[in-house]
């Protein structure tokens, strides 16, 4: 058990873990770590600076010196992500950045430089950490760990709706293929592969609403004395 209570929520892209983590942190009044955003920010910064995704030295330096801040919008209560004072909340969710982030996340030097920064988010009164290796690598002693998943077909549908809501034209088959490819890459990488911690509680969100997932998570939190 850590000095500051930590809840980790890991899982693949599109499983709903980001939405669930944000809402849970807001309802608990705890801090939120969107670890995936750090890799997306590194990827976005690399694209902006025209740094090749195989230039390990440059990417490592970029990750170490990222000028990043997470802020909650007072009007909408939504998390806003800033890179050098530019709101890039939407930019980091594009398909190009998503695919680039997956490649960047496989580089050990980048992960090492972001590791300490991620652990620093564990501050009172508590932390909800959202990612792919929060429970296995970054916070192995977390008070409780969840692994949220969903079928690739369901996740592709969710992503399509998200893009359409933003006015972005997208192809469902292409989205599905990208998700499958990313799952394979994330699960098979040698460094911090995507997999549930041995003591993680696995929740399949395919048939569930966000509210239903939150209810299930809170049931487990009550059993652990965290709620």
C-alpha atoms as a PDB file:
ATOM      1  CA  UNK A   1       0.000   0.000   0.000  1.00  0.00           C
ATOM      2  CA  UNK A   2       1.421   3.388  -0.954  1.00  0.00           C
ATOM      3  CA  UNK A   3       1.426   6.422   1.360  1.00  0.00           C
ATOM      4  CA  UNK A   4      -0.914   8.164  -1.066  1.00  0.00           C
ATOM      5  CA  UNK A   5      -3.795   5.944  -2.244  1.00  0.00           C
ATOM      6  CA  UNK A   6      -3.424   4.991  -5.896  1.00  0.00           C
ATOM      7  CA  UNK A   7      -5.985   3.408  -8.224  1.00  0.00           C
ATOM      8  CA  UNK A   8      -4.613   2.156 -11.542  1.00  0.00           C
ATOM      9  CA  UNK A   9      -6.827   1.680 -14.592  1.00  0.00           C
ATOM     10  CA  UNK A  10      -5.065   0.024 -17.504  1.00  0.00           C
ATOM     11  CA  UNK A  11      -6.359  -1.247 -20.819  1.00  0.00           C
ATOM     12  CA  UNK A  12      -6.209  -0.882 -24.598  1.00  0.00           C
ATOM     13  CA  UNK A  13      -7.203   2.179 -26.601  1.00  0.00           C
ATOM     14  CA  UNK A  14     -10.955   2.664 -26.912  1.00  0.00           C
ATOM     15  CA  UNK A  15     -11.870   0.498 -23.942  1.00  0.00           C
ATOM     16  CA  UNK A  16     -13.322   3.499 -22.115  1.00  0.00           C
ATOM     17  CA  UNK A  17     -10.637   3.683 -19.447  1.00  0.00           C
ATOM     18  CA  UNK A  18      -9.906   7.346 -20.149  1.00  0.00           C
ATOM     19  CA  UNK A  19     -13.507   8.444 -19.671  1.00  0.00           C
ATOM     20  CA  UNK A  20     -13.937   6.231 -16.617  1.00  0.00           C
ATOM     21  CA  UNK A  21     -10.669   7.400 -15.054  1.00  0.00           C
ATOM     22  CA  UNK A  22     -11.508  11.076 -15.568  1.00  0.00           C
ATOM     23  CA  UNK A  23     -14.996  10.739 -14.087  1.00  0.00           C
ATOM     24  CA  UNK A  24     -13.774   8.629 -11.170  1.00  0.00           C
ATOM     25  CA  UNK A  25     -11.015  11.108 -10.293  1.00  0.00           C
ATOM     26  CA  UNK A  26     -13.508  13.973 -10.502  1.00  0.00           C
ATOM     27  CA  UNK A  27     -16.041  12.197  -8.275  1.00  0.00           C
ATOM     28  CA  UNK A  28     -13.416  11.226  -5.710  1.00  0.00           C
ATOM     29  CA  UNK A  29     -11.729  14.615  -5.780  1.00  0.00           C
ATOM     30  CA  UNK A  30      -8.402  12.928  -6.569  1.00  0.00           C
ATOM     31  CA  UNK A  31      -5.624  13.752  -9.003  1.00  0.00           C
ATOM     32  CA  UNK A  32      -5.683  12.204 -12.481  1.00  0.00           C
ATOM     33  CA  UNK A  33      -2.749  10.912 -14.506  1.00  0.00           C
ATOM     34  CA  UNK A  34      -3.444  10.300 -18.182  1.00  0.00           C
ATOM     35  CA  UNK A  35      -0.155   8.548 -18.855  1.00  0.00           C
ATOM     36  CA  UNK A  36      -1.040   7.918 -22.467  1.00  0.00           C
ATOM     37  CA  UNK A  37      -1.233  11.661 -22.974  1.00  0.00           C
ATOM     38  CA  UNK A  38       2.458  11.956 -22.095  1.00  0.00           C
ATOM     39  CA  UNK A  39       3.370   9.579 -24.918  1.00  0.00           C
ATOM     40  CA  UNK A  40       0.939  11.303 -27.254  1.00  0.00           C
ATOM     41  CA  UNK A  41       2.475  14.650 -26.317  1.00  0.00           C
ATOM     42  CA  UNK A  42       5.952  13.313 -27.003  1.00  0.00           C
ATOM     43  CA  UNK A  43       4.769  12.030 -30.379  1.00  0.00           C
ATOM     44  CA  UNK A  44       3.028  15.309 -31.211  1.00  0.00           C
ATOM     45  CA  UNK A  45       6.083  17.338 -30.216  1.00  0.00           C
ATOM     46  CA  UNK A  46       8.231  15.075 -32.403  1.00  0.00           C
ATOM     47  CA  UNK A  47       5.905  15.544 -35.377  1.00  0.00           C
ATOM     48  CA  UNK A  48       5.906  19.325 -34.870  1.00  0.00           C
ATOM     49  CA  UNK A  49       9.699  19.367 -34.659  1.00  0.00           C
ATOM     50  CA  UNK A  50       9.996  16.935 -37.593  1.00  0.00           C
ATOM     51  CA  UNK A  51      11.927  14.444 -35.482  1.00  0.00           C
ATOM     52  CA  UNK A  52      12.006  10.933 -36.947  1.00  0.00           C
ATOM     53  CA  UNK A  53      10.320   8.284 -34.807  1.00  0.00           C
ATOM     54  CA  UNK A  54      13.466   6.147 -34.970  1.00  0.00           C
ATOM     55  CA  UNK A  55      15.724   8.935 -33.666  1.00  0.00           C
ATOM     56  CA  UNK A  56      15.996   7.549 -30.139  1.00  0.00           C
ATOM     57  CA  UNK A  57      18.396  10.176 -28.798  1.00  0.00           C
ATOM     58  CA  UNK A  58      16.261  13.095 -29.965  1.00  0.00           C
ATOM     59  CA  UNK A  59      13.008  11.523 -28.772  1.00  0.00           C
ATOM     60  CA  UNK A  60      14.507  10.722 -25.384  1.00  0.00           C
ATOM     61  CA  UNK A  61      15.678  14.321 -24.945  1.00  0.00           C
ATOM     62  CA  UNK A  62      12.267  15.567 -26.076  1.00  0.00           C
ATOM     63  CA  UNK A  63      10.454  13.409 -23.505  1.00  0.00           C
ATOM     64  CA  UNK A  64      12.752  14.566 -20.720  1.00  0.00           C
ATOM     65  CA  UNK A  65      12.154  18.249 -21.424  1.00  0.00           C
ATOM     66  CA  UNK A  66       8.457  18.300 -22.395  1.00  0.00           C
ATOM     67  CA  UNK A  67       6.776  21.549 -21.364  1.00  0.00           C
ATOM     68  CA  UNK A  68       3.442  20.017 -20.375  1.00  0.00           C
ATOM     69  CA  UNK A  69       0.571  20.965 -18.103  1.00  0.00           C
ATOM     70  CA  UNK A  70      -2.814  19.401 -17.311  1.00  0.00           C
ATOM     71  CA  UNK A  71      -5.616  21.759 -16.372  1.00  0.00           C
ATOM     72  CA  UNK A  72      -9.299  21.316 -15.577  1.00  0.00           C
ATOM     73  CA  UNK A  73     -11.631  23.642 -17.457  1.00  0.00           C
ATOM     74  CA  UNK A  74     -13.817  25.435 -14.906  1.00  0.00           C
ATOM     75  CA  UNK A  75     -16.755  25.604 -17.308  1.00  0.00           C
ATOM     76  CA  UNK A  76     -16.889  21.999 -18.515  1.00  0.00           C
ATOM     77  CA  UNK A  77     -14.816  20.187 -15.848  1.00  0.00           C
ATOM     78  CA  UNK A  78     -12.974  18.545 -18.769  1.00  0.00           C
ATOM     79  CA  UNK A  79      -9.229  17.985 -18.642  1.00  0.00           C
ATOM     80  CA  UNK A  80      -7.257  20.269 -20.955  1.00  0.00           C
ATOM     81  CA  UNK A  81      -3.743  19.356 -22.034  1.00  0.00           C
ATOM     82  CA  UNK A  82      -1.198  22.024 -22.894  1.00  0.00           C
ATOM     83  CA  UNK A  83       2.101  21.720 -24.748  1.00  0.00           C
ATOM     84  CA  UNK A  84       4.190  24.890 -24.410  1.00  0.00           C
ATOM     85  CA  UNK A  85       1.019  26.826 -23.480  1.00  0.00           C
ATOM     86  CA  UNK A  86      -0.896  25.556 -26.534  1.00  0.00           C
ATOM     87  CA  UNK A  87      -4.087  23.607 -25.873  1.00  0.00           C
ATOM     88  CA  UNK A  88      -3.460  20.362 -27.755  1.00  0.00           C
ATOM     89  CA  UNK A  89      -6.275  18.328 -26.180  1.00  0.00           C
ATOM     90  CA  UNK A  90      -7.752  17.522 -29.601  1.00  0.00           C
ATOM     91  CA  UNK A  91      -4.499  17.351 -31.547  1.00  0.00           C
ATOM     92  CA  UNK A  92      -3.128  14.478 -29.467  1.00  0.00           C
ATOM     93  CA  UNK A  93      -6.237  12.375 -30.242  1.00  0.00           C
ATOM     94  CA  UNK A  94      -5.746  12.291 -34.021  1.00  0.00           C
ATOM     95  CA  UNK A  95      -5.021   8.946 -35.679  1.00  0.00           C
ATOM     96  CA  UNK A  96      -1.564  10.109 -36.787  1.00  0.00           C
ATOM     97  CA  UNK A  97      -0.556  10.997 -33.233  1.00  0.00           C
ATOM     98  CA  UNK A  98      -2.140   7.823 -31.831  1.00  0.00           C
ATOM     99  CA  UNK A  99      -0.113   5.587 -34.138  1.00  0.00           C
ATOM    100  CA  UNK A 100       3.058   7.598 -33.535  1.00  0.00           C
ATOM    101  CA  UNK A 101       2.545   7.458 -29.758  1.00  0.00           C
ATOM    102  CA  UNK A 102       2.377   3.662 -29.863  1.00  0.00           C
ATOM    103  CA  UNK A 103       5.772   3.584 -31.586  1.00  0.00           C
ATOM    104  CA  UNK A 104       7.278   6.156 -29.217  1.00  0.00           C
ATOM    105  CA  UNK A 105       6.034   4.208 -26.186  1.00  0.00           C
ATOM    106  CA  UNK A 106       8.078   1.174 -27.258  1.00  0.00           C
ATOM    107  CA  UNK A 107      11.357   3.079 -26.814  1.00  0.00           C
ATOM    108  CA  UNK A 108      12.930   2.310 -23.422  1.00  0.00           C
ATOM    109  CA  UNK A 109      14.807   5.614 -23.207  1.00  0.00           C
ATOM    110  CA  UNK A 110      11.571   7.552 -23.646  1.00  0.00           C
ATOM    111  CA  UNK A 111       9.777   5.437 -21.050  1.00  0.00           C
ATOM    112  CA  UNK A 112      12.644   5.926 -18.574  1.00  0.00           C
ATOM    113  CA  UNK A 113      12.463   9.707 -18.912  1.00  0.00           C
ATOM    114  CA  UNK A 114       8.697   9.734 -18.372  1.00  0.00           C
ATOM    115  CA  UNK A 115       8.719   7.216 -15.504  1.00  0.00           C
ATOM    116  CA  UNK A 116       9.683   9.595 -12.682  1.00  0.00           C
ATOM    117  CA  UNK A 117       7.328  12.266 -13.993  1.00  0.00           C
ATOM    118  CA  UNK A 118       4.442   9.775 -13.887  1.00  0.00           C
ATOM    119  CA  UNK A 119       5.182   8.689 -10.305  1.00  0.00           C
ATOM    120  CA  UNK A 120       5.228  12.336  -9.252  1.00  0.00           C
ATOM    121  CA  UNK A 121       1.490  12.571  -9.903  1.00  0.00           C
ATOM    122  CA  UNK A 122       0.838  10.482  -6.766  1.00  0.00           C
ATOM    123  CA  UNK A 123      -0.124  13.310  -4.429  1.00  0.00           C
ATOM    124  CA  UNK A 124      -2.665  13.690  -1.627  1.00  0.00           C
ATOM    125  CA  UNK A 125      -5.573  13.027  -1.394  1.00  0.00           C
ATOM    126  CA  UNK A 126      -5.063  10.271  -3.997  1.00  0.00           C
ATOM    127  CA  UNK A 127      -4.409   9.402  -7.627  1.00  0.00           C
ATOM    128  CA  UNK A 128      -6.312   7.695 -10.414  1.00  0.00           C
ATOM    129  CA  UNK A 129      -3.693   6.561 -12.938  1.00  0.00           C
ATOM    130  CA  UNK A 130      -4.888   5.732 -16.453  1.00  0.00           C
ATOM    131  CA  UNK A 131      -2.626   3.928 -18.893  1.00  0.00           C
ATOM    132  CA  UNK A 132      -1.244   0.658 -20.167  1.00  0.00           C
ATOM    133  CA  UNK A 133       1.384  -0.202 -17.580  1.00  0.00           C
ATOM    134  CA  UNK A 134       0.258   1.735 -14.521  1.00  0.00           C
ATOM    135  CA  UNK A 135      -0.425  -1.373 -12.443  1.00  0.00           C
ATOM    136  CA  UNK A 136       2.430  -3.460 -13.808  1.00  0.00           C
ATOM    137  CA  UNK A 137       5.328  -0.981 -13.995  1.00  0.00           C
ATOM    138  CA  UNK A 138       4.696   2.550 -12.716  1.00  0.00           C
ATOM    139  CA  UNK A 139       2.598   1.779  -9.625  1.00  0.00           C
ATOM    140  CA  UNK A 140       3.115  -1.945  -8.905  1.00  0.00           C
ATOM    141  CA  UNK A 141       2.118  -1.369  -5.243  1.00  0.00           C
ATOM    142  CA  UNK A 142      -1.127   0.472  -6.057  1.00  0.00           C
ATOM    143  CA  UNK A 143      -3.947   0.001  -3.570  1.00  0.00           C
ATOM    144  CA  UNK A 144      -6.226  -1.458  -6.241  1.00  0.00           C
ATOM    145  CA  UNK A 145      -5.754  -2.207  -9.937  1.00  0.00           C
ATOM    146  CA  UNK A 146      -8.248  -2.466 -12.775  1.00  0.00           C
ATOM    147  CA  UNK A 147      -7.808  -3.636 -16.352  1.00  0.00           C
ATOM    148  CA  UNK A 148     -10.579  -2.378 -18.621  1.00  0.00           C
ATOM    149  CA  UNK A 149     -11.066  -3.968 -22.013  1.00  0.00           C
ATOM    150  CA  UNK A 150     -13.621  -4.284 -24.832  1.00  0.00           C
ATOM    151  CA  UNK A 151     -13.841  -6.079 -28.162  1.00  0.00           C
ATOM    152  CA  UNK A 152     -11.947  -4.546 -31.084  1.00  0.00           C
ATOM    153  CA  UNK A 153     -15.223  -4.197 -32.981  1.00  0.00           C
ATOM    154  CA  UNK A 154     -16.841  -2.225 -30.157  1.00  0.00           C
ATOM    155  CA  UNK A 155     -13.797  -0.022 -29.721  1.00  0.00           C
ATOM    156  CA  UNK A 156     -13.740   0.741 -33.446  1.00  0.00           C
ATOM    157  CA  UNK A 157     -17.400   1.795 -33.304  1.00  0.00           C
ATOM    158  CA  UNK A 158     -16.704   4.055 -30.329  1.00  0.00           C
ATOM    159  CA  UNK A 159     -13.746   5.658 -32.089  1.00  0.00           C
ATOM    160  CA  UNK A 160     -15.813   6.216 -35.245  1.00  0.00           C
ATOM    161  CA  UNK A 161     -18.535   7.989 -33.259  1.00  0.00           C
ATOM    162  CA  UNK A 162     -15.918  10.098 -31.485  1.00  0.00           C
ATOM    163  CA  UNK A 163     -14.360  11.219 -34.763  1.00  0.00           C
ATOM    164  CA  UNK A 164     -17.737  11.889 -36.377  1.00  0.00           C
ATOM    165  CA  UNK A 165     -18.727  14.031 -33.392  1.00  0.00           C
ATOM    166  CA  UNK A 166     -15.639  16.123 -34.109  1.00  0.00           C
ATOM    167  CA  UNK A 167     -16.668  16.487 -37.745  1.00  0.00           C
ATOM    168  CA  UNK A 168     -13.903  14.147 -38.932  1.00  0.00           C
ATOM    169  CA  UNK A 169     -14.650  11.722 -41.755  1.00  0.00           C
ATOM    170  CA  UNK A 170     -13.364   8.213 -40.954  1.00  0.00           C
ATOM    171  CA  UNK A 171     -13.531   4.661 -42.277  1.00  0.00           C
ATOM    172  CA  UNK A 172     -14.683   2.001 -39.802  1.00  0.00           C
ATOM    173  CA  UNK A 173     -12.628  -0.772 -41.440  1.00  0.00           C
ATOM    174  CA  UNK A 174      -9.461   1.321 -41.317  1.00  0.00           C
ATOM    175  CA  UNK A 175     -10.103   2.176 -37.658  1.00  0.00           C
ATOM    176  CA  UNK A 176     -10.669  -1.507 -36.833  1.00  0.00           C
ATOM    177  CA  UNK A 177      -7.465  -2.557 -38.601  1.00  0.00           C
ATOM    178  CA  UNK A 178      -5.471   0.166 -36.813  1.00  0.00           C
ATOM    179  CA  UNK A 179      -6.835  -0.972 -33.433  1.00  0.00           C
ATOM    180  CA  UNK A 180      -5.951  -4.612 -34.087  1.00  0.00           C
ATOM    181  CA  UNK A 181      -2.462  -3.636 -35.262  1.00  0.00           C
ATOM    182  CA  UNK A 182      -1.910  -1.405 -32.250  1.00  0.00           C
ATOM    183  CA  UNK A 183      -3.128  -4.093 -29.841  1.00  0.00           C
ATOM    184  CA  UNK A 184      -0.665  -6.541 -31.356  1.00  0.00           C
ATOM    185  CA  UNK A 185       2.190  -4.047 -31.217  1.00  0.00           C
ATOM    186  CA  UNK A 186       1.419  -2.993 -27.629  1.00  0.00           C
ATOM    187  CA  UNK A 187       0.987  -6.578 -26.400  1.00  0.00           C
ATOM    188  CA  UNK A 188       4.071  -7.989 -28.096  1.00  0.00           C
ATOM    189  CA  UNK A 189       6.565  -5.212 -27.369  1.00  0.00           C
ATOM    190  CA  UNK A 190       9.495  -6.235 -25.182  1.00  0.00           C
ATOM    191  CA  UNK A 191       9.208  -3.206 -22.879  1.00  0.00           C
ATOM    192  CA  UNK A 192       6.161  -2.907 -20.597  1.00  0.00           C
ATOM    193  CA  UNK A 193       3.772  -4.873 -22.834  1.00  0.00           C
ATOM    194  CA  UNK A 194       0.039  -4.274 -22.533  1.00  0.00           C
ATOM    195  CA  UNK A 195      -1.289  -6.915 -20.138  1.00  0.00           C
ATOM    196  CA  UNK A 196      -3.243  -6.934 -16.889  1.00  0.00           C
ATOM    197  CA  UNK A 197      -1.336  -7.042 -13.601  1.00  0.00           C
ATOM    198  CA  UNK A 198      -1.557 -10.410 -11.869  1.00  0.00           C
ATOM    199  CA  UNK A 199      -3.768  -8.852  -9.168  1.00  0.00           C
ATOM    200  CA  UNK A 200      -5.850  -6.636 -11.478  1.00  0.00           C
ATOM    201  CA  UNK A 201      -9.647  -6.740 -11.591  1.00  0.00           C
ATOM    202  CA  UNK A 202     -10.656  -7.218 -15.225  1.00  0.00           C
ATOM    203  CA  UNK A 203     -13.778  -5.467 -16.529  1.00  0.00           C
ATOM    204  CA  UNK A 204     -15.084  -6.037 -20.058  1.00  0.00           C
ATOM    205  CA  UNK A 205     -16.919  -2.843 -21.012  1.00  0.00           C
ATOM    206  CA  UNK A 206     -18.266  -4.136 -24.349  1.00  0.00           C
ATOM    207  CA  UNK A 207     -21.861  -4.474 -23.066  1.00  0.00           C
ATOM    208  CA  UNK A 208     -21.640  -1.802 -20.358  1.00  0.00           C
ATOM    209  CA  UNK A 209     -22.364   1.914 -20.135  1.00  0.00           C
ATOM    210  CA  UNK A 210     -19.895   4.278 -18.482  1.00  0.00           C
ATOM    211  CA  UNK A 211     -22.176   4.556 -15.444  1.00  0.00           C
ATOM    212  CA  UNK A 212     -22.332   0.774 -15.115  1.00  0.00           C
ATOM    213  CA  UNK A 213     -18.548   0.525 -15.202  1.00  0.00           C
ATOM    214  CA  UNK A 214     -18.255   3.213 -12.521  1.00  0.00           C
ATOM    215  CA  UNK A 215     -20.739   1.369 -10.311  1.00  0.00           C
ATOM    216  CA  UNK A 216     -18.703  -1.840 -10.608  1.00  0.00           C
ATOM    217  CA  UNK A 217     -15.441  -0.033  -9.838  1.00  0.00           C
ATOM    218  CA  UNK A 218     -16.924   1.718  -6.807  1.00  0.00           C
ATOM    219  CA  UNK A 219     -18.195  -1.609  -5.492  1.00  0.00           C
ATOM    220  CA  UNK A 220     -14.609  -2.867  -5.439  1.00  0.00           C
ATOM    221  CA  UNK A 221     -13.356   0.388  -3.909  1.00  0.00           C
ATOM    222  CA  UNK A 222     -15.838   0.014  -1.039  1.00  0.00           C
ATOM    223  CA  UNK A 223     -14.628  -3.522  -0.408  1.00  0.00           C
ATOM    224  CA  UNK A 224     -11.055  -2.195  -0.193  1.00  0.00           C
ATOM    225  CA  UNK A 225     -12.052   0.621   2.138  1.00  0.00           C
ATOM    226  CA  UNK A 226     -11.158   3.284  -0.418  1.00  0.00           C
ATOM    227  CA  UNK A 227     -14.664   4.725  -0.603  1.00  0.00           C
END
